[in-house]
């Protein structure tokens, strides 16, 4: 049986600094101590993946869980084989620019990782069933690989039955969910889309449109999510300042916080350039796989 305790979280998914904060029930483990197989009956065959020896950190929040891994190419290719062997209707693997790191509860530790496994169950699964929700919270296990110099694409061994995706595929899904008829999906989606790619002007502008949402909670999430774009969001400052004249104290505070973050953000042009280069490498790899 899972143990649960209250933790301060941002979004249903991950410990992050952007969307609105909520109290949730969650747990975390460090290292690769095997997790209880009985908790994974909804995903036949996933236990060898979730309990792979390369796991370095695990996070569970309201049924929404991530397992984070780090290792050499042999370990990664072994995970890919085990993932492809699971009894699931789809086996999606996303190639994303790295490096990647996760924050522990209350951000007391930073854990570098190279790939992760995402599972959606419990309360999170209920949210996924709302309008457009499955575009954010995939009902099937999803594996993401964060490509950098430690992950040579040419050494990846892609098993049969695996569907390879790139970041743009997720961005398209998440962008479509911004127009969900459900307030919960729209609100959470703002932060999720921002966390996918903090260098995307298109994503940033799509989130900014939610500042006019009829629901103040969605506007609150959108205002917070825009902070993820840092200096890139400078063109939005005038609009953000114009919205400070509001009777909603929480929204005003969030706007002020985001404005300050944008105004004081460091230049990330070098990191963005590396991000774009990695995206091109991934695209070339995917094209080669289709031949």
Protein backbone atom coordinates (compact mmCIF):
# COMPACT_ATOMS: atom_id res chain seq x y z
CA UNK A 1 0.00 0.00 0.00
CA UNK A 2 1.24 3.46 -0.84
CA UNK A 3 2.07 5.87 1.92
CA UNK A 4 0.90 9.45 1.42
CA UNK A 5 1.75 12.76 3.00
CA UNK A 6 0.95 16.39 2.13
CA UNK A 7 3.41 18.19 -0.08
CA UNK A 8 3.34 21.59 -1.73
CA UNK A 9 3.29 21.01 -5.50
CA UNK A 10 2.95 22.88 -8.75
CA UNK A 11 0.60 21.11 -11.15
CA UNK A 12 -0.52 17.52 -10.83
CA UNK A 13 2.68 16.38 -12.42
CA UNK A 14 6.03 17.59 -11.31
CA UNK A 15 7.80 19.77 -8.81
CA UNK A 16 8.18 22.95 -10.82
CA UNK A 17 8.28 26.67 -10.25
CA UNK A 18 5.57 27.77 -12.60
CA UNK A 19 1.88 26.85 -12.41
CA UNK A 20 -0.33 27.50 -9.41
CA UNK A 21 0.49 25.68 -6.20
CA UNK A 22 -1.86 23.13 -4.68
CA UNK A 23 -1.81 20.72 -1.78
CA UNK A 24 -1.53 17.16 -3.01
CA UNK A 25 -0.76 13.70 -1.74
CA UNK A 26 2.54 12.27 -2.84
CA UNK A 27 5.64 10.24 -2.20
CA UNK A 28 9.18 10.04 -3.46
CA UNK A 29 12.01 7.53 -3.32
CA UNK A 30 15.69 7.87 -4.14
CA UNK A 31 17.74 5.16 -5.76
CA UNK A 32 16.45 1.95 -7.32
CA UNK A 33 14.83 0.03 -4.47
CA UNK A 34 12.11 -2.12 -6.13
CA UNK A 35 8.61 -0.68 -5.99
CA UNK A 36 5.61 -2.89 -5.18
CA UNK A 37 4.51 -4.72 -8.33
CA UNK A 38 0.93 -4.82 -7.07
CA UNK A 39 0.67 -1.08 -7.72
CA UNK A 40 1.15 -1.63 -11.48
CA UNK A 41 -1.58 -4.10 -12.41
CA UNK A 42 -3.11 -1.47 -14.72
CA UNK A 43 0.03 -1.59 -16.89
CA UNK A 44 0.87 -5.24 -17.63
CA UNK A 45 4.57 -5.78 -18.11
CA UNK A 46 5.69 -2.36 -16.88
CA UNK A 47 7.33 -3.56 -13.62
CA UNK A 48 10.70 -4.50 -15.25
CA UNK A 49 10.82 -0.93 -16.59
CA UNK A 50 9.71 0.87 -13.44
CA UNK A 51 12.14 -1.19 -11.31
CA UNK A 52 15.07 -1.07 -13.71
CA UNK A 53 18.41 -0.84 -11.93
CA UNK A 54 19.15 2.48 -13.66
CA UNK A 55 16.36 4.26 -11.77
CA UNK A 56 17.69 7.10 -9.60
CA UNK A 57 14.50 8.80 -8.41
CA UNK A 58 10.76 8.20 -8.28
CA UNK A 59 7.89 10.66 -7.76
CA UNK A 60 4.20 9.89 -7.25
CA UNK A 61 1.54 12.60 -6.89
CA UNK A 62 -2.18 11.85 -6.84
CA UNK A 63 -1.65 8.85 -9.12
CA UNK A 64 0.54 10.79 -11.51
CA UNK A 65 4.01 9.29 -11.39
CA UNK A 66 7.45 9.59 -12.88
CA UNK A 67 10.43 7.27 -12.65
CA UNK A 68 13.76 8.89 -13.51
CA UNK A 69 16.80 7.01 -14.79
CA UNK A 70 20.48 7.52 -15.46
CA UNK A 71 23.00 5.15 -17.00
CA UNK A 72 25.01 4.14 -20.05
CA UNK A 73 23.71 3.23 -23.49
CA UNK A 74 23.45 -0.45 -22.61
CA UNK A 75 21.11 0.45 -19.75
CA UNK A 76 19.02 2.73 -21.95
CA UNK A 77 18.72 0.17 -24.74
CA UNK A 78 17.73 -2.46 -22.18
CA UNK A 79 14.97 -0.16 -20.89
CA UNK A 80 13.79 0.37 -24.47
CA UNK A 81 13.56 -3.38 -25.03
CA UNK A 82 11.63 -3.91 -21.80
CA UNK A 83 9.34 -0.98 -22.57
CA UNK A 84 8.56 -2.34 -26.04
CA UNK A 85 7.74 -5.73 -24.51
CA UNK A 86 4.99 -4.37 -22.24
CA UNK A 87 1.43 -5.38 -23.02
CA UNK A 88 0.19 -1.93 -24.05
CA UNK A 89 -1.75 -0.69 -27.09
CA UNK A 90 0.93 1.90 -27.81
CA UNK A 91 4.58 2.37 -26.95
CA UNK A 92 5.50 6.02 -27.43
CA UNK A 93 9.08 7.17 -26.91
CA UNK A 94 9.80 10.89 -27.04
CA UNK A 95 13.24 12.20 -27.99
CA UNK A 96 13.80 15.58 -26.33
CA UNK A 97 16.77 17.93 -25.95
CA UNK A 98 18.73 17.45 -22.72
CA UNK A 99 20.21 17.70 -20.22
CA UNK A 100 17.42 17.08 -17.71
CA UNK A 101 17.06 17.22 -13.94
CA UNK A 102 14.25 16.80 -11.44
CA UNK A 103 13.60 18.59 -8.16
CA UNK A 104 12.74 16.60 -5.07
CA UNK A 105 9.87 17.56 -2.78
CA UNK A 106 10.38 21.09 -1.47
CA UNK A 107 13.30 21.35 -3.92
CA UNK A 108 15.81 20.07 -1.36
CA UNK A 109 17.70 18.06 -4.00
CA UNK A 110 18.36 18.24 -7.73
CA UNK A 111 18.53 14.88 -9.46
CA UNK A 112 20.13 14.71 -12.95
CA UNK A 113 18.60 12.07 -15.22
CA UNK A 114 18.70 10.97 -18.85
CA UNK A 115 15.33 9.32 -19.42
CA UNK A 116 12.04 9.00 -17.58
CA UNK A 117 8.88 6.92 -17.53
CA UNK A 118 5.51 8.62 -17.03
CA UNK A 119 2.40 6.79 -15.79
CA UNK A 120 -1.04 8.29 -15.18
CA UNK A 121 -3.41 6.73 -12.66
CA UNK A 122 -5.61 7.62 -9.69
CA UNK A 123 -6.89 11.18 -9.47
CA UNK A 124 -4.68 12.22 -12.38
CA UNK A 125 -6.37 9.63 -14.60
CA UNK A 126 -9.76 11.14 -13.75
CA UNK A 127 -8.52 14.55 -14.90
CA UNK A 128 -7.18 12.96 -18.09
CA UNK A 129 -10.70 11.84 -18.96
CA UNK A 130 -11.93 15.43 -19.11
CA UNK A 131 -12.19 17.22 -22.46
CA UNK A 132 -8.77 17.15 -24.21
CA UNK A 133 -7.19 15.81 -21.02
CA UNK A 134 -5.59 12.76 -22.62
CA UNK A 135 -3.54 15.04 -24.84
CA UNK A 136 -1.63 16.08 -21.72
CA UNK A 137 -1.90 12.97 -19.54
CA UNK A 138 -1.36 9.97 -21.79
CA UNK A 139 -3.40 6.93 -20.63
CA UNK A 140 -0.53 4.70 -21.73
CA UNK A 141 3.02 4.66 -20.31
CA UNK A 142 5.32 7.09 -22.08
CA UNK A 143 9.11 7.00 -22.14
CA UNK A 144 11.09 10.20 -22.74
CA UNK A 145 14.81 10.31 -23.61
CA UNK A 146 16.74 13.55 -23.10
CA UNK A 147 19.38 13.79 -25.78
CA UNK A 148 22.77 15.38 -25.12
CA UNK A 149 26.42 14.33 -25.50
CA UNK A 150 25.80 11.40 -23.14
CA UNK A 151 23.09 9.95 -25.42
CA UNK A 152 24.62 9.31 -28.87
CA UNK A 153 21.61 8.87 -31.14
CA UNK A 154 23.50 6.53 -33.44
CA UNK A 155 23.85 4.05 -30.56
CA UNK A 156 20.13 3.94 -29.80
CA UNK A 157 18.57 0.56 -30.61
CA UNK A 158 14.89 1.18 -31.33
CA UNK A 159 12.81 -2.00 -30.90
CA UNK A 160 9.97 -2.95 -33.21
CA UNK A 161 6.59 -1.67 -32.08
CA UNK A 162 7.92 1.58 -30.64
CA UNK A 163 6.54 4.89 -31.94
CA UNK A 164 9.18 7.62 -31.92
CA UNK A 165 8.05 11.18 -31.27
CA UNK A 166 9.81 14.52 -31.04
CA UNK A 167 9.13 17.54 -28.89
CA UNK A 168 7.00 19.16 -31.59
CA UNK A 169 4.54 16.26 -31.38
CA UNK A 170 3.94 16.91 -27.69
CA UNK A 171 3.75 20.66 -28.21
CA UNK A 172 1.01 20.13 -30.80
CA UNK A 173 -1.02 17.96 -28.42
CA UNK A 174 -0.60 20.32 -25.48
CA UNK A 175 -1.45 23.38 -27.59
CA UNK A 176 -4.68 21.76 -28.74
CA UNK A 177 -5.66 21.12 -25.11
CA UNK A 178 -5.50 24.85 -24.31
CA UNK A 179 -8.99 25.21 -25.78
CA UNK A 180 -10.48 22.45 -23.64
CA UNK A 181 -13.97 23.13 -22.34
CA UNK A 182 -12.74 22.02 -18.92
CA UNK A 183 -11.24 24.63 -16.61
CA UNK A 184 -8.91 22.12 -14.94
CA UNK A 185 -7.38 21.01 -18.22
CA UNK A 186 -6.89 24.57 -19.48
CA UNK A 187 -5.33 25.69 -16.22
CA UNK A 188 -2.88 22.81 -15.81
CA UNK A 189 -2.06 22.83 -19.51
CA UNK A 190 -0.61 26.34 -19.33
CA UNK A 191 2.17 25.13 -17.06
CA UNK A 192 2.66 21.85 -18.89
CA UNK A 193 3.12 23.53 -22.27
CA UNK A 194 5.51 26.09 -20.80
CA UNK A 195 7.64 23.35 -19.25
CA UNK A 196 7.91 21.47 -22.56
CA UNK A 197 9.89 24.13 -24.35
CA UNK A 198 10.79 27.45 -22.67
CA UNK A 199 12.32 28.68 -25.94
CA UNK A 200 9.15 28.54 -28.04
CA UNK A 201 7.60 31.91 -28.89
CA UNK A 202 4.60 30.10 -30.36
CA UNK A 203 3.92 28.26 -27.10
CA UNK A 204 4.44 31.43 -25.11
CA UNK A 205 1.92 33.39 -27.15
CA UNK A 206 -0.60 30.55 -26.99
CA UNK A 207 -0.37 30.57 -23.20
CA UNK A 208 -0.62 34.37 -23.10
CA UNK A 209 -4.05 34.14 -24.74
CA UNK A 210 -5.27 32.43 -21.57
CA UNK A 211 -4.77 35.71 -19.73
CA UNK A 212 -8.18 36.60 -21.18
CA UNK A 213 -9.81 33.35 -20.05
CA UNK A 214 -13.20 33.78 -18.36
CA UNK A 215 -11.97 31.81 -15.32
CA UNK A 216 -9.60 33.63 -12.98
CA UNK A 217 -7.96 30.33 -11.97
CA UNK A 218 -6.92 29.73 -15.57
CA UNK A 219 -5.61 33.30 -15.82
CA UNK A 220 -3.64 32.71 -12.63
CA UNK A 221 -2.01 29.60 -14.09
CA UNK A 222 -1.26 31.33 -17.38
CA UNK A 223 0.38 34.27 -15.63
CA UNK A 224 2.60 31.93 -13.64
CA UNK A 225 3.45 29.75 -16.62
CA UNK A 226 4.79 32.71 -18.61
CA UNK A 227 7.59 33.08 -16.08
CA UNK A 228 9.14 29.90 -17.52
CA UNK A 229 10.06 31.81 -20.70
CA UNK A 230 12.21 34.27 -18.79
CA UNK A 231 13.82 36.98 -20.87
CA UNK A 232 12.08 35.66 -23.98
CA UNK A 233 8.79 36.94 -22.51
CA UNK A 234 10.00 40.58 -22.45
CA UNK A 235 7.58 41.58 -25.27
CA UNK A 236 4.70 40.55 -22.98
CA UNK A 237 5.67 42.85 -20.12
CA UNK A 238 3.47 45.76 -21.17
CA UNK A 239 0.42 43.51 -21.37
CA UNK A 240 1.23 41.88 -18.02
CA UNK A 241 1.62 45.28 -16.34
CA UNK A 242 -1.69 46.44 -17.77
CA UNK A 243 -3.40 43.58 -15.95
CA UNK A 244 -2.14 44.57 -12.51
CA UNK A 245 -5.26 46.68 -12.01
CA UNK A 246 -7.32 43.74 -10.78
CA UNK A 247 -9.39 43.13 -7.67
CA UNK A 248 -8.11 39.56 -7.41
CA UNK A 249 -5.21 39.66 -4.94
CA UNK A 250 -3.82 36.26 -5.91
CA UNK A 251 -3.78 37.11 -9.60
CA UNK A 252 -2.13 40.47 -8.95
CA UNK A 253 0.57 38.81 -6.85
CA UNK A 254 1.20 36.19 -9.52
CA UNK A 255 1.46 38.86 -12.21
CA UNK A 256 3.92 40.85 -10.10
CA UNK A 257 6.04 37.74 -9.51
CA UNK A 258 6.11 36.87 -13.19
CA UNK A 259 6.97 40.42 -14.21
CA UNK A 260 9.89 40.43 -11.78
CA UNK A 261 11.16 37.07 -13.03
CA UNK A 262 11.04 38.25 -16.64
CA UNK A 263 12.70 41.58 -15.86
CA UNK A 264 15.59 39.96 -13.97
CA UNK A 265 15.99 36.84 -16.13
CA UNK A 266 19.43 36.03 -17.49
CA UNK A 267 20.09 35.74 -21.19
CA UNK A 268 19.59 32.14 -22.34
CA UNK A 269 20.54 32.55 -26.00
CA UNK A 270 23.45 30.10 -25.74
CA UNK A 271 21.28 27.44 -24.13
CA UNK A 272 18.56 28.09 -26.71
CA UNK A 273 21.07 27.66 -29.54
CA UNK A 274 22.15 24.30 -28.14
CA UNK A 275 18.50 23.33 -27.73
CA UNK A 276 17.79 24.12 -31.38
CA UNK A 277 20.85 22.19 -32.55
CA UNK A 278 19.74 19.13 -30.61
CA UNK A 279 16.23 19.42 -32.06
CA UNK A 280 17.75 19.30 -35.56
CA UNK A 281 19.81 16.23 -34.65
CA UNK A 282 16.70 14.50 -33.37
CA UNK A 283 14.76 15.41 -36.52
CA UNK A 284 17.53 13.99 -38.72
CA UNK A 285 17.59 10.81 -36.65
CA UNK A 286 13.81 10.39 -36.95
CA UNK A 287 13.96 10.88 -40.72
CA UNK A 288 16.64 8.23 -40.98
CA UNK A 289 14.51 5.81 -38.95
CA UNK A 290 11.66 6.13 -41.46
CA UNK A 291 13.78 5.11 -44.43
